[in-house]
Amino acid sequence: MFPGVMVDTNYRHTTVSFGEKVKVLGRVIDGLKDDLNVQQTGFVVWPAAMILSQHLVSHREQVRTGRVLEVGAGAGLPGLVAAALSQDPSGVVMTDYVEEAVDLMDMNIAETFGDDNKRPKAAIMDWDDDPSVLQEHHGTFDVIIGSDVVYWPELIEPLIRTVKALLSNKPTSRFLMLYSRRNPKVDVLLFRTAQKYGLNSTELSLEQNTVYHAVLKHPVYIEDTDMFHLYEFRHSHK
């Protein structure tokens, strides 16, 4: 079962466990049969978010120390998992441009971390805005994460520009993106734009990712085994 579509604000609790337990408000559905509109997509815990979360658990050393930013977070599952794995959850910031999504993240943060002063933060961020505004409040980040964040071609350049500005210059800094492949033209544009902004990309294997294999057994995805890809982007230090 996957945490599902949130079509109104009458949320109920679904506990998703990835070794570390985090609580996500939502409604469990069988697959993704419900009708969605563009405004609702940010309120879905998509399988891509679950696959990325499992990657973080399997490579927890990447988020145990340092600062983490989730972009296009929606309900914020990967950000919550990163915070649960971190030595300092307050160094995790989860962002979305939709105010209602940020409200939902705040609820999910409260459910998982309570009133802990070291809990992660949720914030509004529009990729078309100047990223220095977020940087003034939170600094730069050692790891940036995102799942299903390049649905529309016109969002690619604003996303990559934002990542470039907010990713710290440490040699180990990285942007981890779980990408659902839908349009070959988007693939080309994504990597071309990353190169333009001085980011090198590497595809990471999902073969050891148990959630990835579980998702591929679901009837919605069983005939589309090339759907999900995990990419790592790093500064090209020349």
Protein backbone atom coordinates (compact mmCIF):
# COMPACT_ATOMS: atom_id res chain seq x y z
CA MET A 1 0.00 0.00 0.00
CA PHE A 2 1.17 3.49 -0.75
CA PRO A 3 0.31 6.71 1.09
CA GLY A 4 -2.03 8.43 -1.29
CA VAL A 5 -3.82 11.40 -2.64
CA MET A 6 -4.86 14.16 -0.28
CA VAL A 7 -7.94 15.69 -1.88
CA ASP A 8 -9.08 17.74 1.10
CA THR A 9 -7.86 18.71 4.55
CA ASN A 10 -9.53 15.84 6.40
CA TYR A 11 -6.24 13.96 6.73
CA ARG A 12 -5.75 10.82 8.76
CA HIS A 13 -2.47 9.33 9.96
CA THR A 14 -0.47 6.82 7.98
CA THR A 15 2.79 5.70 9.56
CA VAL A 16 5.45 4.96 6.97
CA SER A 17 8.43 3.05 8.33
CA PHE A 18 11.88 3.12 6.74
CA GLY A 19 13.84 1.77 9.69
CA GLU A 20 13.21 5.17 11.24
CA LYS A 21 9.49 5.84 11.72
CA VAL A 22 7.97 9.00 10.35
CA LYS A 23 4.30 9.93 10.36
CA VAL A 24 2.63 11.26 7.23
CA LEU A 25 -0.91 12.60 7.11
CA GLY A 26 -2.82 11.09 4.24
CA ARG A 27 -5.29 8.61 2.82
CA VAL A 28 -4.26 5.15 1.65
CA ILE A 29 -5.53 4.20 -1.81
CA ASP A 30 -5.03 1.18 -4.04
CA GLY A 31 -2.66 2.47 -6.68
CA LEU A 32 -3.25 5.91 -8.14
CA LYS A 33 -6.74 5.51 -9.53
CA ASP A 34 -8.16 8.74 -8.17
CA ASP A 35 -8.55 11.69 -10.51
CA LEU A 36 -5.87 14.32 -9.90
CA ASN A 37 -5.55 17.90 -11.02
CA VAL A 38 -2.41 20.02 -11.05
CA GLN A 39 -3.23 21.63 -7.70
CA GLN A 40 -3.49 18.22 -6.00
CA THR A 41 -0.20 16.69 -7.14
CA GLY A 42 1.74 18.34 -4.31
CA PHE A 43 -0.46 16.54 -1.78
CA VAL A 44 0.47 13.06 -2.95
CA VAL A 45 3.17 10.88 -1.46
CA TRP A 46 4.23 9.45 -4.80
CA PRO A 47 6.16 6.16 -5.10
CA ALA A 48 9.18 8.22 -6.23
CA ALA A 49 9.28 9.85 -2.78
CA MET A 50 9.22 6.43 -1.14
CA ILE A 51 12.03 5.14 -3.36
CA LEU A 52 14.15 8.20 -2.59
CA SER A 53 13.43 7.79 1.13
CA GLN A 54 14.67 4.19 1.00
CA HIS A 55 17.85 5.39 -0.74
CA LEU A 56 18.46 7.81 2.12
CA VAL A 57 18.02 5.04 4.67
CA SER A 58 20.45 2.81 2.79
CA HIS A 59 22.98 5.66 2.48
CA ARG A 60 22.30 7.42 5.75
CA GLU A 61 25.87 8.68 5.99
CA GLN A 62 24.97 11.20 3.27
CA VAL A 63 22.44 12.96 5.50
CA ARG A 64 23.66 12.12 9.01
CA THR A 65 25.66 15.35 9.20
CA GLY A 66 25.39 18.58 7.26
CA ARG A 67 22.41 20.55 6.07
CA VAL A 68 19.66 19.09 3.87
CA LEU A 69 17.13 20.86 1.64
CA GLU A 70 14.10 19.17 0.07
CA VAL A 71 12.72 20.94 -3.00
CA GLY A 72 9.17 20.46 -4.28
CA ALA A 73 8.53 18.56 -1.07
CA GLY A 74 4.72 18.29 -1.06
CA ALA A 75 3.92 16.15 1.99
CA GLY A 76 7.66 16.00 2.74
CA LEU A 77 8.32 12.28 3.21
CA PRO A 78 12.00 12.28 2.04
CA GLY A 79 12.71 15.38 4.13
CA LEU A 80 11.15 13.77 7.20
CA VAL A 81 13.24 10.65 6.66
CA ALA A 82 16.40 12.73 6.21
CA ALA A 83 15.63 14.57 9.45
CA ALA A 84 15.00 11.30 11.31
CA LEU A 85 18.41 10.06 10.14
CA SER A 86 20.23 13.31 10.90
CA GLN A 87 22.25 14.09 14.02
CA ASP A 88 20.68 17.57 13.83
CA PRO A 89 17.13 17.47 12.39
CA SER A 90 16.94 21.28 12.60
CA GLY A 91 19.42 21.37 9.72
CA VAL A 92 16.76 19.96 7.38
CA VAL A 93 14.53 22.40 5.49
CA MET A 94 11.56 21.17 3.42
CA THR A 95 10.18 23.55 0.78
CA ASP A 96 7.32 23.94 -1.65
CA TYR A 97 5.79 26.88 -3.48
CA VAL A 98 2.22 25.98 -2.45
CA GLU A 99 1.22 27.42 0.93
CA GLU A 100 -1.15 24.54 1.67
CA ALA A 101 1.69 22.06 1.09
CA VAL A 102 3.85 23.93 3.61
CA ASP A 103 0.96 23.80 6.10
CA LEU A 104 0.74 20.05 5.51
CA MET A 105 4.50 19.67 6.05
CA ASP A 106 4.21 21.58 9.32
CA MET A 107 1.56 19.11 10.46
CA ASN A 108 3.71 16.15 9.43
CA ILE A 109 6.75 17.62 11.20
CA ALA A 110 4.70 18.06 14.37
CA GLU A 111 3.41 14.48 14.15
CA THR A 112 6.91 13.05 13.81
CA PHE A 113 9.01 15.39 15.96
CA GLY A 114 6.48 16.95 18.35
CA ASP A 115 7.66 20.17 19.99
CA ASP A 116 11.36 19.28 19.76
CA ASN A 117 13.38 22.47 19.25
CA LYS A 118 15.65 20.55 16.89
CA ARG A 119 12.89 19.52 14.53
CA PRO A 120 13.13 20.27 10.77
CA LYS A 121 11.54 23.32 9.18
CA ALA A 122 9.06 23.86 6.36
CA ALA A 123 9.27 26.95 4.16
CA ILE A 124 7.77 28.53 1.06
CA MET A 125 10.10 28.55 -1.94
CA ASP A 126 9.24 29.39 -5.53
CA TRP A 127 12.03 28.47 -7.95
CA ASP A 128 11.29 31.62 -9.96
CA ASP A 129 12.14 33.76 -6.93
CA ASP A 130 15.62 34.86 -5.94
CA PRO A 131 17.12 31.91 -3.98
CA SER A 132 19.19 34.34 -1.91
CA VAL A 133 16.05 35.01 0.16
CA LEU A 134 16.03 31.40 1.42
CA GLN A 135 19.81 31.46 1.71
CA GLU A 136 19.69 34.49 4.01
CA HIS A 137 17.49 32.58 6.44
CA HIS A 138 18.93 29.07 6.13
CA GLY A 139 22.33 29.27 4.41
CA THR A 140 23.47 26.78 1.77
CA PHE A 141 23.00 23.02 1.87
CA ASP A 142 25.29 20.01 1.68
CA VAL A 143 22.59 17.75 0.26
CA ILE A 144 19.54 18.76 -1.77
CA ILE A 145 16.87 16.14 -2.44
CA GLY A 146 13.83 16.04 -4.70
CA SER A 147 11.42 13.48 -6.14
CA ASP A 148 9.16 13.93 -9.16
CA VAL A 149 10.16 17.59 -9.42
CA VAL A 150 10.62 17.94 -13.20
CA TYR A 151 7.13 17.11 -14.40
CA TRP A 152 7.00 20.17 -16.68
CA PRO A 153 9.87 21.23 -19.03
CA GLU A 154 9.49 24.90 -18.13
CA LEU A 155 10.36 24.12 -14.50
CA ILE A 156 13.75 22.57 -15.27
CA GLU A 157 15.81 25.74 -15.59
CA PRO A 158 14.31 27.42 -12.48
CA LEU A 159 14.96 24.22 -10.51
CA ILE A 160 18.56 23.78 -11.65
CA ARG A 161 19.29 27.48 -11.15
CA THR A 162 17.95 27.23 -7.58
CA VAL A 163 19.94 24.07 -6.85
CA LYS A 164 23.13 25.65 -8.19
CA ALA A 165 22.67 28.68 -5.93
CA LEU A 166 21.82 26.75 -2.75
CA LEU A 167 24.17 23.76 -3.01
CA SER A 168 27.28 24.33 -0.89
CA ASN A 169 30.70 24.20 -2.53
CA LYS A 170 31.96 21.25 -0.49
CA PRO A 171 33.44 18.43 -2.62
CA THR A 172 30.87 16.02 -1.16
CA SER A 173 27.82 18.24 -1.80
CA ARG A 174 25.17 16.68 -4.03
CA PHE A 175 21.66 17.04 -5.40
CA LEU A 176 19.83 13.70 -5.31
CA MET A 177 16.83 13.55 -7.63
CA LEU A 178 14.48 10.61 -8.05
CA TYR A 179 13.19 11.13 -11.56
CA SER A 180 10.11 9.56 -13.14
CA ARG A 181 10.85 9.29 -16.85
CA ARG A 182 7.89 10.31 -18.97
CA ASN A 183 9.22 12.37 -21.86
CA PRO A 184 12.60 11.87 -23.65
CA LYS A 185 12.68 15.58 -24.51
CA VAL A 186 12.58 16.40 -20.81
CA ASP A 187 15.55 14.07 -20.26
CA VAL A 188 17.65 15.93 -22.82
CA LEU A 189 16.65 19.34 -21.47
CA LEU A 190 17.39 18.32 -17.87
CA PHE A 191 20.97 17.22 -18.50
CA ARG A 192 21.69 20.03 -20.94
CA THR A 193 20.52 22.58 -18.37
CA ALA A 194 22.55 20.96 -15.60
CA GLN A 195 25.68 21.21 -17.77
CA LYS A 196 24.87 24.85 -18.52
CA TYR A 197 24.90 25.61 -14.79
CA GLY A 198 28.06 23.63 -14.09
CA LEU A 199 26.51 20.52 -12.56
CA ASN A 200 27.73 17.05 -13.50
CA SER A 201 25.21 14.20 -13.40
CA THR A 202 25.63 10.52 -12.57
CA GLU A 203 22.92 7.86 -12.54
CA LEU A 204 22.89 5.81 -9.33
CA SER A 205 21.77 2.20 -9.26
CA LEU A 206 18.42 1.27 -7.71
CA GLU A 207 19.08 -2.47 -7.85
CA GLN A 208 19.53 -2.73 -4.07
CA ASN A 209 16.54 -0.48 -3.32
CA THR A 210 13.81 -2.72 -1.88
CA VAL A 211 11.07 -0.11 -2.22
CA TYR A 212 11.93 0.35 -5.91
CA HIS A 213 11.40 -3.36 -6.54
CA ALA A 214 8.18 -3.37 -4.51
CA VAL A 215 6.83 -0.45 -6.56
CA LEU A 216 7.62 -2.22 -9.84
CA LYS A 217 5.42 -5.13 -8.74
CA HIS A 218 2.43 -2.84 -8.41
CA PRO A 219 -0.09 -3.16 -11.31
CA VAL A 220 0.28 0.54 -12.14
CA TYR A 221 4.02 0.17 -12.85
CA ILE A 222 4.58 -3.49 -13.66
CA GLU A 223 4.80 -2.84 -17.42
CA ASP A 224 6.98 0.26 -17.10
CA THR A 225 10.25 -0.93 -15.59
CA ASP A 226 12.16 2.07 -17.02
CA MET A 227 10.04 4.59 -15.11
CA PHE A 228 12.21 5.48 -12.12
CA HIS A 229 15.79 6.76 -12.19
CA LEU A 230 17.99 8.21 -9.46
CA TYR A 231 20.48 10.91 -10.46
CA GLU A 232 23.18 12.66 -8.48
CA PHE A 233 24.26 16.15 -9.52
CA ARG A 234 27.49 17.72 -8.27
CA HIS A 235 29.37 20.94 -8.92
CA SER A 236 31.92 20.55 -11.69
CA HIS A 237 35.01 21.90 -9.91
CA LYS A 238 37.26 22.88 -12.78
